[in-house]
N, C-alpha and C. Protein backbone atom coordinates (compact mmCIF):
# COMPACT_ATOMS: atom_id res chain seq x y z
N MET A 1 84.96 137.58 118.82
CA MET A 1 86.39 137.56 119.00
C MET A 1 87.03 136.93 117.77
N SER A 2 88.09 137.53 117.31
CA SER A 2 88.80 137.09 116.11
C SER A 2 89.65 135.84 116.37
N THR A 3 89.82 135.05 115.35
CA THR A 3 90.69 133.88 115.40
C THR A 3 91.87 134.13 114.48
N ASP A 4 93.07 133.97 115.01
CA ASP A 4 94.28 134.17 114.22
C ASP A 4 95.07 132.87 114.13
N ILE A 5 95.87 132.76 113.08
CA ILE A 5 96.69 131.58 112.84
C ILE A 5 98.14 131.89 113.22
N HIS A 6 98.80 130.92 113.81
CA HIS A 6 100.21 131.03 114.20
C HIS A 6 100.92 129.76 113.74
N GLY A 7 102.19 129.86 113.45
CA GLY A 7 102.94 128.67 113.07
C GLY A 7 104.06 128.97 112.12
N GLY A 8 104.43 127.96 111.36
CA GLY A 8 105.52 128.14 110.42
C GLY A 8 105.77 126.90 109.59
N ILE A 9 106.81 127.01 108.79
CA ILE A 9 107.19 125.95 107.86
C ILE A 9 108.42 125.22 108.39
N GLU A 10 108.39 123.91 108.34
CA GLU A 10 109.51 123.07 108.74
C GLU A 10 109.93 122.19 107.57
N PHE A 11 111.19 121.74 107.60
CA PHE A 11 111.65 120.74 106.64
C PHE A 11 112.36 119.63 107.39
N ARG A 12 112.31 118.45 106.79
CA ARG A 12 112.97 117.28 107.38
C ARG A 12 114.44 117.30 106.95
N HIS A 13 115.32 117.27 107.94
CA HIS A 13 116.75 117.32 107.66
C HIS A 13 117.16 116.09 106.85
N PRO A 14 117.88 116.27 105.76
CA PRO A 14 118.23 115.13 104.90
C PRO A 14 119.14 114.12 105.58
N GLY A 15 119.82 114.50 106.66
CA GLY A 15 120.69 113.57 107.37
C GLY A 15 119.97 112.71 108.40
N THR A 16 118.67 112.97 108.62
CA THR A 16 117.92 112.21 109.60
C THR A 16 117.96 110.72 109.29
N GLY A 17 118.28 109.94 110.32
CA GLY A 17 118.34 108.48 110.16
C GLY A 17 119.69 107.97 109.68
N THR A 18 120.66 108.87 109.53
CA THR A 18 122.00 108.43 109.12
C THR A 18 122.94 108.47 110.32
N ASP A 19 124.07 107.81 110.18
CA ASP A 19 125.04 107.76 111.26
C ASP A 19 125.75 109.10 111.47
N HIS A 20 125.80 109.93 110.45
CA HIS A 20 126.56 111.17 110.56
C HIS A 20 125.73 112.38 111.03
N TYR A 21 124.45 112.20 111.31
CA TYR A 21 123.61 113.31 111.76
C TYR A 21 122.91 112.92 113.05
N ASP A 22 123.10 113.72 114.10
CA ASP A 22 122.43 113.41 115.37
C ASP A 22 121.56 114.57 115.86
N GLY A 23 121.20 115.47 114.96
CA GLY A 23 120.33 116.60 115.31
C GLY A 23 118.86 116.24 115.21
N GLU A 24 118.04 117.27 115.31
CA GLU A 24 116.59 117.08 115.22
C GLU A 24 116.18 116.63 113.82
N PRO A 25 115.17 115.78 113.72
CA PRO A 25 114.72 115.35 112.39
C PRO A 25 114.08 116.48 111.59
N TRP A 26 113.36 117.39 112.25
CA TRP A 26 112.70 118.50 111.58
C TRP A 26 113.31 119.81 112.04
N VAL A 27 113.45 120.74 111.09
CA VAL A 27 114.09 122.02 111.33
C VAL A 27 113.12 123.13 110.94
N THR A 28 113.01 124.17 111.76
CA THR A 28 112.17 125.31 111.42
C THR A 28 112.81 126.09 110.28
N ALA A 29 112.06 126.26 109.20
CA ALA A 29 112.55 127.05 108.06
C ALA A 29 112.20 128.52 108.25
N MET A 30 110.94 128.80 108.57
CA MET A 30 110.54 130.19 108.79
C MET A 30 109.15 130.27 109.41
N ASP A 31 108.92 131.39 110.03
CA ASP A 31 107.63 131.69 110.63
C ASP A 31 106.59 131.94 109.54
N LEU A 32 105.35 131.68 109.84
CA LEU A 32 104.26 131.92 108.89
C LEU A 32 104.00 133.41 108.67
N TRP A 33 104.22 134.22 109.70
CA TRP A 33 103.80 135.61 109.66
C TRP A 33 104.28 136.42 108.45
N PRO A 34 105.52 136.43 108.04
CA PRO A 34 105.85 137.32 106.93
C PRO A 34 105.20 136.90 105.61
N LEU A 35 104.79 135.65 105.52
CA LEU A 35 104.17 135.15 104.30
C LEU A 35 102.65 135.31 104.32
N TYR A 36 102.05 135.12 105.47
CA TYR A 36 100.60 135.14 105.59
C TYR A 36 100.20 136.00 106.78
N ASP A 37 99.48 137.09 106.52
CA ASP A 37 99.02 137.94 107.62
C ASP A 37 97.56 138.35 107.44
N GLU A 38 96.78 137.44 106.91
CA GLU A 38 95.34 137.66 106.77
C GLU A 38 94.61 136.85 107.83
N THR A 39 93.33 137.12 107.95
CA THR A 39 92.44 136.29 108.76
C THR A 39 91.30 135.88 107.85
N SER A 40 91.37 134.65 107.36
CA SER A 40 90.34 134.14 106.46
C SER A 40 89.76 132.87 107.04
N TYR A 41 88.58 132.99 107.62
CA TYR A 41 87.95 131.81 108.21
C TYR A 41 87.65 130.75 107.16
N ALA A 42 87.34 131.17 105.95
CA ALA A 42 87.10 130.19 104.89
C ALA A 42 88.37 129.39 104.62
N ALA A 43 89.53 130.05 104.59
CA ALA A 43 90.80 129.34 104.39
C ALA A 43 91.13 128.45 105.58
N PHE A 44 90.93 128.98 106.80
CA PHE A 44 91.19 128.18 107.99
C PHE A 44 90.32 126.93 107.99
N GLY A 45 89.06 127.08 107.58
CA GLY A 45 88.15 125.94 107.51
C GLY A 45 88.57 124.96 106.44
N CYS A 46 88.94 125.45 105.27
CA CYS A 46 89.35 124.61 104.15
C CYS A 46 90.59 123.79 104.50
N LEU A 47 91.56 124.43 105.11
CA LEU A 47 92.82 123.74 105.42
C LEU A 47 92.74 122.90 106.68
N PHE A 48 92.18 123.47 107.78
CA PHE A 48 92.31 122.84 109.09
C PHE A 48 90.99 122.60 109.82
N GLY A 49 89.86 122.96 109.22
CA GLY A 49 88.57 122.73 109.85
C GLY A 49 88.22 123.74 110.94
N VAL A 50 89.00 124.81 111.08
CA VAL A 50 88.77 125.82 112.11
C VAL A 50 87.82 126.88 111.55
N ARG A 51 86.74 127.15 112.28
CA ARG A 51 85.72 128.12 111.85
C ARG A 51 85.23 127.80 110.44
N ASN A 52 84.92 126.56 110.23
CA ASN A 52 84.57 126.05 108.90
C ASN A 52 83.10 126.28 108.57
N GLN A 53 82.67 127.51 108.64
CA GLN A 53 81.28 127.83 108.36
C GLN A 53 80.92 127.69 106.90
N ALA A 54 81.90 127.71 106.01
CA ALA A 54 81.63 127.56 104.58
C ALA A 54 81.39 126.11 104.19
N GLY A 55 81.71 125.16 105.06
CA GLY A 55 81.40 123.76 104.81
C GLY A 55 82.42 123.01 103.98
N PHE A 56 83.68 123.41 104.01
CA PHE A 56 84.72 122.66 103.30
C PHE A 56 84.99 121.32 103.96
N ARG A 57 85.45 120.37 103.17
CA ARG A 57 86.00 119.14 103.73
C ARG A 57 87.47 119.47 104.02
N PRO A 58 87.84 119.66 105.30
CA PRO A 58 89.19 120.13 105.63
C PRO A 58 90.27 119.14 105.19
N ILE A 59 91.40 119.69 104.81
CA ILE A 59 92.52 118.87 104.36
C ILE A 59 93.25 118.23 105.53
N ALA A 60 93.45 118.97 106.61
CA ALA A 60 94.24 118.46 107.74
C ALA A 60 93.67 118.93 109.06
N PRO A 61 92.46 118.47 109.42
CA PRO A 61 91.83 118.95 110.65
C PRO A 61 92.36 118.25 111.91
N GLY A 62 92.63 119.03 112.94
CA GLY A 62 92.86 118.51 114.27
C GLY A 62 93.92 117.44 114.44
N ARG A 63 95.00 117.51 113.75
CA ARG A 63 96.05 116.50 113.87
C ARG A 63 96.91 116.68 115.12
N GLY A 64 96.82 117.84 115.73
CA GLY A 64 97.70 118.16 116.84
C GLY A 64 99.09 118.50 116.32
N LEU A 65 99.99 118.77 117.24
CA LEU A 65 101.36 119.05 116.84
C LEU A 65 102.09 117.74 116.58
N PRO A 66 102.97 117.71 115.59
CA PRO A 66 103.73 116.48 115.33
C PRO A 66 104.59 116.10 116.53
N ALA A 67 104.73 114.81 116.77
CA ALA A 67 105.56 114.33 117.88
C ALA A 67 107.02 114.75 117.69
N ASP A 68 107.44 114.87 116.43
CA ASP A 68 108.83 115.23 116.13
C ASP A 68 108.97 116.71 115.75
N LEU A 69 108.12 117.56 116.32
CA LEU A 69 108.15 118.99 116.07
C LEU A 69 109.53 119.56 116.39
N SER A 70 110.00 120.47 115.55
CA SER A 70 111.31 121.09 115.78
C SER A 70 111.29 121.93 117.06
N SER A 71 112.44 122.10 117.68
CA SER A 71 112.51 122.89 118.90
C SER A 71 112.15 124.35 118.62
N GLY A 72 112.50 124.86 117.45
CA GLY A 72 112.14 126.23 117.10
C GLY A 72 110.65 126.43 117.02
N MET A 73 109.95 125.48 116.43
CA MET A 73 108.49 125.59 116.31
C MET A 73 107.83 125.34 117.67
N ARG A 74 108.41 124.45 118.48
CA ARG A 74 107.86 124.21 119.82
C ARG A 74 107.99 125.48 120.67
N ALA A 75 109.10 126.20 120.52
CA ALA A 75 109.26 127.46 121.26
C ALA A 75 108.22 128.48 120.80
N HIS A 76 107.87 128.45 119.54
CA HIS A 76 106.89 129.39 118.98
C HIS A 76 105.47 129.03 119.38
N LEU A 77 105.12 127.76 119.33
CA LEU A 77 103.74 127.33 119.55
C LEU A 77 103.48 126.72 120.92
N GLY A 78 104.52 126.45 121.69
CA GLY A 78 104.32 125.76 122.96
C GLY A 78 103.78 124.37 122.70
N THR A 79 102.76 124.01 123.43
CA THR A 79 102.14 122.70 123.22
C THR A 79 100.98 122.80 122.23
N GLY A 80 100.67 124.03 121.79
CA GLY A 80 99.54 124.21 120.89
C GLY A 80 98.21 123.97 121.57
N ALA A 81 98.21 124.04 122.91
CA ALA A 81 97.00 123.74 123.68
C ALA A 81 96.44 125.02 124.28
N GLU A 82 95.21 124.93 124.77
CA GLU A 82 94.54 126.10 125.33
C GLU A 82 95.32 126.71 126.48
N LYS A 83 96.06 125.89 127.22
CA LYS A 83 96.84 126.45 128.33
C LYS A 83 97.91 127.41 127.82
N ASP A 84 98.31 127.27 126.56
CA ASP A 84 99.25 128.20 125.94
C ASP A 84 98.54 129.30 125.17
N GLY A 85 97.20 129.35 125.27
CA GLY A 85 96.43 130.35 124.55
C GLY A 85 96.13 129.96 123.12
N LEU A 86 96.48 128.76 122.72
CA LEU A 86 96.26 128.28 121.36
C LEU A 86 95.37 127.05 121.38
N TYR A 87 94.78 126.74 120.24
CA TYR A 87 93.96 125.54 120.12
C TYR A 87 93.98 125.05 118.67
N SER A 88 93.39 123.92 118.42
CA SER A 88 93.26 123.34 117.09
C SER A 88 94.59 123.23 116.35
N ALA A 89 95.63 122.82 117.05
CA ALA A 89 96.93 122.63 116.41
C ALA A 89 96.82 121.54 115.34
N SER A 90 97.55 121.73 114.25
CA SER A 90 97.56 120.76 113.17
C SER A 90 98.77 121.00 112.28
N TRP A 91 98.93 120.15 111.32
CA TRP A 91 100.03 120.29 110.35
C TRP A 91 99.57 119.68 109.03
N VAL A 92 100.22 120.10 107.96
CA VAL A 92 99.91 119.59 106.64
C VAL A 92 101.20 119.57 105.82
N SER A 93 101.42 118.51 105.07
CA SER A 93 102.63 118.39 104.26
C SER A 93 102.46 119.12 102.93
N TRP A 94 103.58 119.45 102.31
CA TRP A 94 103.52 120.04 100.99
C TRP A 94 102.89 119.06 100.01
N ALA A 95 103.15 117.76 100.16
CA ALA A 95 102.54 116.77 99.27
C ALA A 95 101.02 116.89 99.28
N GLU A 96 100.43 117.08 100.46
CA GLU A 96 98.98 117.22 100.56
C GLU A 96 98.51 118.54 99.94
N LEU A 97 99.24 119.60 100.20
CA LEU A 97 98.85 120.90 99.65
C LEU A 97 98.99 120.93 98.13
N ALA A 98 100.05 120.31 97.61
CA ALA A 98 100.27 120.29 96.17
C ALA A 98 99.17 119.53 95.44
N ALA A 99 98.49 118.63 96.15
CA ALA A 99 97.44 117.82 95.54
C ALA A 99 96.06 118.46 95.60
N ILE A 100 95.96 119.64 96.18
CA ILE A 100 94.66 120.31 96.31
C ILE A 100 94.09 120.63 94.93
N ASP A 101 92.81 120.35 94.77
CA ASP A 101 92.08 120.73 93.56
C ASP A 101 91.45 122.09 93.83
N LEU A 102 92.01 123.15 93.25
CA LEU A 102 91.51 124.50 93.48
C LEU A 102 90.12 124.72 92.90
N ARG A 103 89.65 123.79 92.05
CA ARG A 103 88.30 123.91 91.48
C ARG A 103 87.24 123.26 92.35
N ALA A 104 87.65 122.51 93.37
CA ALA A 104 86.69 121.85 94.26
C ALA A 104 85.84 122.91 94.96
N THR A 105 84.60 122.57 95.24
CA THR A 105 83.68 123.52 95.87
C THR A 105 83.11 122.96 97.16
N THR A 106 82.59 123.86 97.97
CA THR A 106 81.84 123.45 99.15
C THR A 106 80.43 123.09 98.72
N GLU A 107 79.73 122.47 99.61
CA GLU A 107 78.29 122.30 99.43
C GLU A 107 77.63 123.58 99.92
N ARG A 108 76.40 123.81 99.50
CA ARG A 108 75.67 124.95 100.03
C ARG A 108 75.38 124.67 101.50
N VAL A 109 75.68 125.63 102.34
CA VAL A 109 75.49 125.48 103.78
C VAL A 109 74.44 126.47 104.23
N GLY A 110 73.47 126.01 105.03
CA GLY A 110 72.45 126.90 105.54
C GLY A 110 72.21 126.68 107.01
N TRP A 111 71.72 127.71 107.71
CA TRP A 111 71.39 127.61 109.11
C TRP A 111 70.44 128.74 109.48
N THR A 112 69.80 128.59 110.60
CA THR A 112 68.91 129.64 111.08
C THR A 112 69.32 130.03 112.49
N THR A 113 69.05 131.27 112.81
CA THR A 113 69.26 131.78 114.17
C THR A 113 67.99 132.51 114.57
N GLY A 114 66.99 131.72 114.90
CA GLY A 114 65.70 132.33 115.19
C GLY A 114 64.98 132.66 113.91
N GLU A 115 64.64 133.92 113.71
CA GLU A 115 63.87 134.35 112.56
C GLU A 115 64.63 134.33 111.24
N PRO A 116 65.81 134.94 111.14
CA PRO A 116 66.47 134.96 109.82
C PRO A 116 67.11 133.62 109.47
N ALA A 117 67.14 133.32 108.19
CA ALA A 117 67.84 132.13 107.68
C ALA A 117 69.04 132.61 106.87
N TYR A 118 70.16 131.93 107.03
CA TYR A 118 71.41 132.30 106.36
C TYR A 118 71.90 131.13 105.52
N SER A 119 72.68 131.45 104.49
CA SER A 119 73.31 130.38 103.72
C SER A 119 74.54 130.90 103.02
N TYR A 120 75.47 129.99 102.78
CA TYR A 120 76.62 130.26 101.94
C TYR A 120 76.38 129.55 100.62
N GLU A 121 76.63 130.22 99.55
CA GLU A 121 76.60 129.58 98.25
C GLU A 121 77.90 128.80 98.09
N PRO A 122 77.94 127.80 97.23
CA PRO A 122 79.18 127.07 97.03
C PRO A 122 80.33 128.02 96.65
N VAL A 123 81.50 127.74 97.20
CA VAL A 123 82.68 128.54 96.93
C VAL A 123 83.82 127.58 96.58
N THR A 124 84.70 128.00 95.71
CA THR A 124 85.80 127.11 95.32
C THR A 124 86.97 127.22 96.29
N VAL A 125 87.75 126.18 96.35
CA VAL A 125 88.97 126.18 97.15
C VAL A 125 89.90 127.28 96.63
N GLY A 126 89.97 127.44 95.32
CA GLY A 126 90.80 128.47 94.73
C GLY A 126 90.43 129.88 95.16
N ALA A 127 89.16 130.10 95.45
CA ALA A 127 88.72 131.43 95.89
C ALA A 127 89.27 131.76 97.27
N VAL A 128 89.51 130.75 98.10
CA VAL A 128 90.00 131.03 99.46
C VAL A 128 91.49 130.77 99.63
N LEU A 129 92.12 130.06 98.68
CA LEU A 129 93.56 129.78 98.78
C LEU A 129 94.34 130.28 97.57
N GLY A 130 93.66 130.89 96.62
CA GLY A 130 94.28 131.23 95.34
C GLY A 130 95.02 132.55 95.29
N ASP A 131 95.25 133.01 94.08
CA ASP A 131 96.11 134.15 93.80
C ASP A 131 95.69 135.46 94.46
N GLU A 132 94.45 135.61 94.78
CA GLU A 132 93.98 136.85 95.40
C GLU A 132 94.18 136.85 96.92
N THR A 133 94.80 135.82 97.46
CA THR A 133 95.04 135.69 98.90
C THR A 133 96.54 135.71 99.17
N HIS A 134 96.91 135.59 100.41
CA HIS A 134 98.32 135.50 100.78
C HIS A 134 98.84 134.06 100.78
N TRP A 135 97.98 133.08 100.61
CA TRP A 135 98.42 131.68 100.66
C TRP A 135 99.44 131.32 99.59
N PRO A 136 99.39 131.88 98.38
CA PRO A 136 100.43 131.53 97.41
C PRO A 136 101.85 131.83 97.89
N HIS A 137 102.02 132.83 98.74
CA HIS A 137 103.34 133.10 99.30
C HIS A 137 103.83 131.91 100.13
N VAL A 138 102.94 131.40 100.95
CA VAL A 138 103.27 130.23 101.78
C VAL A 138 103.57 129.04 100.89
N PHE A 139 102.70 128.80 99.93
CA PHE A 139 102.84 127.64 99.06
C PHE A 139 104.10 127.71 98.20
N ASN A 140 104.47 128.90 97.75
CA ASN A 140 105.68 129.03 96.94
C ASN A 140 106.94 128.70 97.74
N VAL A 141 106.99 129.14 98.99
CA VAL A 141 108.14 128.80 99.84
C VAL A 141 108.18 127.30 100.09
N MET A 142 107.02 126.72 100.39
CA MET A 142 106.98 125.27 100.64
C MET A 142 107.39 124.49 99.39
N LYS A 143 106.92 124.92 98.23
CA LYS A 143 107.28 124.24 96.98
C LYS A 143 108.78 124.33 96.73
N ALA A 144 109.37 125.49 96.97
CA ALA A 144 110.82 125.65 96.78
C ALA A 144 111.58 124.72 97.72
N LEU A 145 111.17 124.65 98.97
CA LEU A 145 111.83 123.75 99.92
C LEU A 145 111.64 122.29 99.52
N ALA A 146 110.46 121.97 99.01
CA ALA A 146 110.19 120.59 98.58
C ALA A 146 111.10 120.18 97.43
N GLY A 147 111.54 121.14 96.62
CA GLY A 147 112.49 120.84 95.56
C GLY A 147 113.80 120.29 96.11
N ARG A 148 114.12 120.65 97.32
CA ARG A 148 115.35 120.15 97.95
C ARG A 148 115.09 119.00 98.90
N PHE A 149 114.00 119.05 99.68
CA PHE A 149 113.77 118.10 100.76
C PHE A 149 112.65 117.10 100.48
N GLY A 150 112.00 117.19 99.32
CA GLY A 150 110.93 116.27 98.95
C GLY A 150 109.57 116.77 99.42
N ASP A 151 108.54 116.35 98.72
CA ASP A 151 107.18 116.80 99.02
C ASP A 151 106.73 116.43 100.42
N ASP A 152 107.12 115.26 100.92
CA ASP A 152 106.76 114.86 102.27
C ASP A 152 107.77 115.35 103.30
N GLY A 153 108.82 116.03 102.85
CA GLY A 153 109.85 116.55 103.74
C GLY A 153 109.66 118.02 104.09
N VAL A 154 108.49 118.57 103.76
CA VAL A 154 108.17 119.97 104.08
C VAL A 154 106.75 119.99 104.62
N ARG A 155 106.57 120.71 105.73
CA ARG A 155 105.22 120.78 106.31
C ARG A 155 104.97 122.15 106.92
N LEU A 156 103.70 122.49 106.97
CA LEU A 156 103.21 123.69 107.63
C LEU A 156 102.60 123.25 108.95
N VAL A 157 103.05 123.85 110.05
CA VAL A 157 102.55 123.51 111.38
C VAL A 157 101.87 124.75 111.94
N VAL A 158 100.64 124.61 112.44
CA VAL A 158 99.86 125.77 112.87
C VAL A 158 99.09 125.48 114.16
N ALA A 159 98.67 126.56 114.79
CA ALA A 159 97.68 126.54 115.87
C ALA A 159 96.97 127.88 115.82
N PHE A 160 95.85 127.98 116.49
CA PHE A 160 95.00 129.16 116.41
C PHE A 160 94.76 129.75 117.79
N ASP A 161 94.47 131.06 117.82
CA ASP A 161 94.07 131.67 119.09
C ASP A 161 92.75 132.40 118.93
């Protein structure tokens, strides 16, 4: 059975914490779908630890949904729990994504299933998140928003089915 990613990009409203703004602290900027429509288990593992058969050290595994999740994203993801058909909810800030070393590699991973033995050779983060994937679309939107709202004021919120 295939695993798909769902979610979107949020930004922290610049008026949060001021007397003149009484809305939600985080606002949904856009859904993930138009930017990313691939299924890459290596990328899911690298970013969130989901189906991490390549052996990456995940950047943001299993954080759950943020307590201050925007109402738009909550409507999209529900609780991010199995009862909603989703699991492994997490989020990652643009600051964390901007700091990724695309040259970093996995360790060689091996396993057996009875008679045959399998292994993954080391693979770079850039190979699973780089220019040949759809992730740069996501990262470019997040970077543009960070120019206005700050690196820690933009985040990607996801869950899987």
